[in-house]
Each structure stands twice: as structure tokens, then as C-alpha cells.
Amino acid sequence: MVVNLNGLYGVETISEEECRNPGREADLVKLDLDELSFLAYRLDETTIIIENATKSTVDYNLVTLAGQVVMLGKVGPDQNEISFTGRGIYLLWFEGGSTDQKYKVFF
């Protein structure tokens, strides 16, 4: 299992008869790690999505690997759509609320 955001996770199986067999609630695992507070990915040629798993609105900076600031803005909790057509590897810095400054690599 690969996990990209904080949340409650469990395993479910599907039988040969296509019946769902959810795991027991006691087997669920809750993840709440600073490293999994944000997720960024490209939706289409002109839009990126930033998912914010915190309950706070935070500031973000999108920066090239050379240190050039490409974009500044704010993202609220949940899913945020942002217009962006750039291509390459960028650093995405988040700051605000109870979130310390951190970065994620964005392709």
C-alpha cells in the first residue's frame, strides 16, 4: 500500500464472487505525519492540484531548483486547483498555521 496523505487506512479484499470483505475497524491505521500533510500533482496541461490535509490555510512558494520564485499563493484545507503551465522539477514550500516550512518535489 502506498499512502500519499494523512488519513485512516485499512485493507479490503474482494472474493472471486466479487463480494467486498472489509477489514475490521480494529485493523485500521491512522496516519498523521507532517511529511504527509500536502500532495501536489498535475491535473492537466494548465492545472496543478495541491491537496492540503491540515485544517489551516497556508502560504506556498513554488520555486525552481535554481531558487527563482515562480509563484506565491495560499491554499486552504482539502483540494486546491492552481493554474500553472510550467514543466520541470520545482520545490513547493509551505508555511503557516501549525505547519513548519517544508518542501515537496513537484514534477
Protein backbone atom coordinates (compact mmCIF):
# COMPACT_ATOMS: atom_id res chain seq x y z
CA MET A 1 0.00 0.00 0.00
CA VAL A 2 1.30 3.44 -0.92
CA VAL A 3 -0.03 6.34 1.12
CA ASN A 4 0.28 9.97 0.00
CA LEU A 5 -1.80 11.88 2.56
CA ASN A 6 -2.73 11.62 6.22
CA GLY A 7 -5.88 9.67 6.98
CA LEU A 8 -7.41 6.41 8.18
CA TYR A 9 -6.36 3.39 6.12
CA GLY A 10 -7.25 -0.29 6.01
CA VAL A 11 -7.22 -3.23 3.66
CA GLU A 12 -10.25 -4.70 1.93
CA THR A 13 -10.39 -7.85 -0.17
CA ILE A 14 -12.75 -8.89 -2.98
CA SER A 15 -13.71 -12.54 -3.34
CA GLU A 16 -13.93 -14.45 -6.61
CA GLU A 17 -17.69 -13.83 -6.44
CA GLU A 18 -16.87 -10.09 -6.34
CA CYS A 19 -18.05 -9.68 -2.74
CA ARG A 20 -16.31 -6.97 -0.71
CA ASN A 21 -14.72 -8.12 2.53
CA PRO A 22 -13.75 -5.01 4.51
CA GLY A 23 -11.15 -5.38 7.22
CA ARG A 24 -12.08 -4.97 10.86
CA GLU A 25 -12.19 -1.47 12.29
CA ALA A 26 -9.60 -2.54 14.87
CA ASP A 27 -7.17 -3.20 12.00
CA LEU A 28 -7.36 0.35 10.60
CA VAL A 29 -4.25 2.50 10.81
CA LYS A 30 -4.39 6.27 11.34
CA LEU A 31 -1.55 8.27 9.81
CA ASP A 32 -0.86 11.81 10.97
CA LEU A 33 2.65 12.72 9.85
CA ASP A 34 3.99 16.15 8.90
CA GLU A 35 5.53 14.57 5.77
CA LEU A 36 2.04 13.61 4.53
CA SER A 37 0.28 16.96 5.05
CA PHE A 38 0.48 18.03 1.40
CA LEU A 39 0.32 16.39 -2.01
CA ALA A 40 0.82 18.14 -5.37
CA TYR A 41 0.21 16.74 -8.83
CA ARG A 42 -0.64 17.85 -12.36
CA LEU A 43 -4.33 17.56 -13.31
CA ASP A 44 -3.91 18.63 -16.94
CA GLU A 45 -1.67 20.84 -19.11
CA THR A 46 -2.72 24.05 -17.32
CA THR A 47 -3.69 22.96 -13.79
CA ILE A 48 -1.99 21.51 -10.74
CA ILE A 49 -3.77 20.23 -7.65
CA ILE A 50 -2.44 20.84 -4.17
CA GLU A 51 -4.13 18.76 -1.50
CA ASN A 52 -3.83 20.20 1.99
CA ALA A 53 -4.60 17.66 4.73
CA THR A 54 -4.24 20.25 7.50
CA LYS A 55 -7.13 22.30 8.86
CA SER A 56 -5.34 25.60 8.14
CA THR A 57 -4.88 27.88 5.16
CA VAL A 58 -1.16 28.04 4.44
CA ASP A 59 1.14 30.06 2.19
CA TYR A 60 3.03 28.32 -0.60
CA ASN A 61 6.00 29.25 -2.76
CA LEU A 62 6.76 27.42 -5.98
CA VAL A 63 10.48 27.73 -6.67
CA THR A 64 12.80 26.45 -9.43
CA LEU A 65 15.82 24.39 -8.45
CA ALA A 66 17.90 27.50 -9.20
CA GLY A 67 15.98 29.38 -6.49
CA GLN A 68 13.78 31.55 -8.74
CA VAL A 69 10.33 32.10 -7.23
CA VAL A 70 7.77 31.18 -9.88
CA MET A 71 4.55 31.56 -7.90
CA LEU A 72 3.30 32.62 -4.46
CA GLY A 73 -0.14 31.95 -3.04
CA LYS A 74 -2.34 30.41 -0.37
CA VAL A 75 -4.01 27.00 -0.21
CA GLY A 76 -6.92 26.16 2.04
CA PRO A 77 -7.75 22.78 3.52
CA ASP A 78 -8.68 19.97 1.11
CA GLN A 79 -8.16 20.17 -2.66
CA ASN A 80 -6.95 23.37 -4.37
CA GLU A 81 -6.74 23.91 -8.15
CA ILE A 82 -3.98 26.23 -9.32
CA SER A 83 -3.31 27.42 -12.88
CA PHE A 84 0.26 26.54 -13.82
CA THR A 85 1.73 25.62 -17.21
CA GLY A 86 5.40 25.26 -16.23
CA ARG A 87 7.19 21.94 -16.72
CA GLY A 88 10.15 20.56 -14.79
CA ILE A 89 11.18 19.94 -11.22
CA TYR A 90 10.18 22.54 -8.64
CA LEU A 91 10.32 22.92 -4.89
CA LEU A 92 6.99 23.63 -3.22
CA TRP A 93 7.40 25.33 0.15
CA PHE A 94 4.55 25.51 2.68
CA GLU A 95 4.37 27.81 5.71
CA GLY A 96 1.62 28.88 8.09
CA GLY A 97 -0.85 27.56 10.63
CA SER A 98 0.89 24.87 12.66
CA THR A 99 2.97 23.87 9.62
CA ASP A 100 6.68 24.49 9.65
CA GLN A 101 8.30 25.38 6.38
CA LYS A 102 8.87 22.23 4.33
CA TYR A 103 9.18 21.29 0.71
CA LYS A 104 7.92 18.72 -1.74
CA VAL A 105 9.36 17.98 -5.15
CA PHE A 106 6.85 18.63 -7.93
CA PHE A 107 7.23 17.24 -11.43
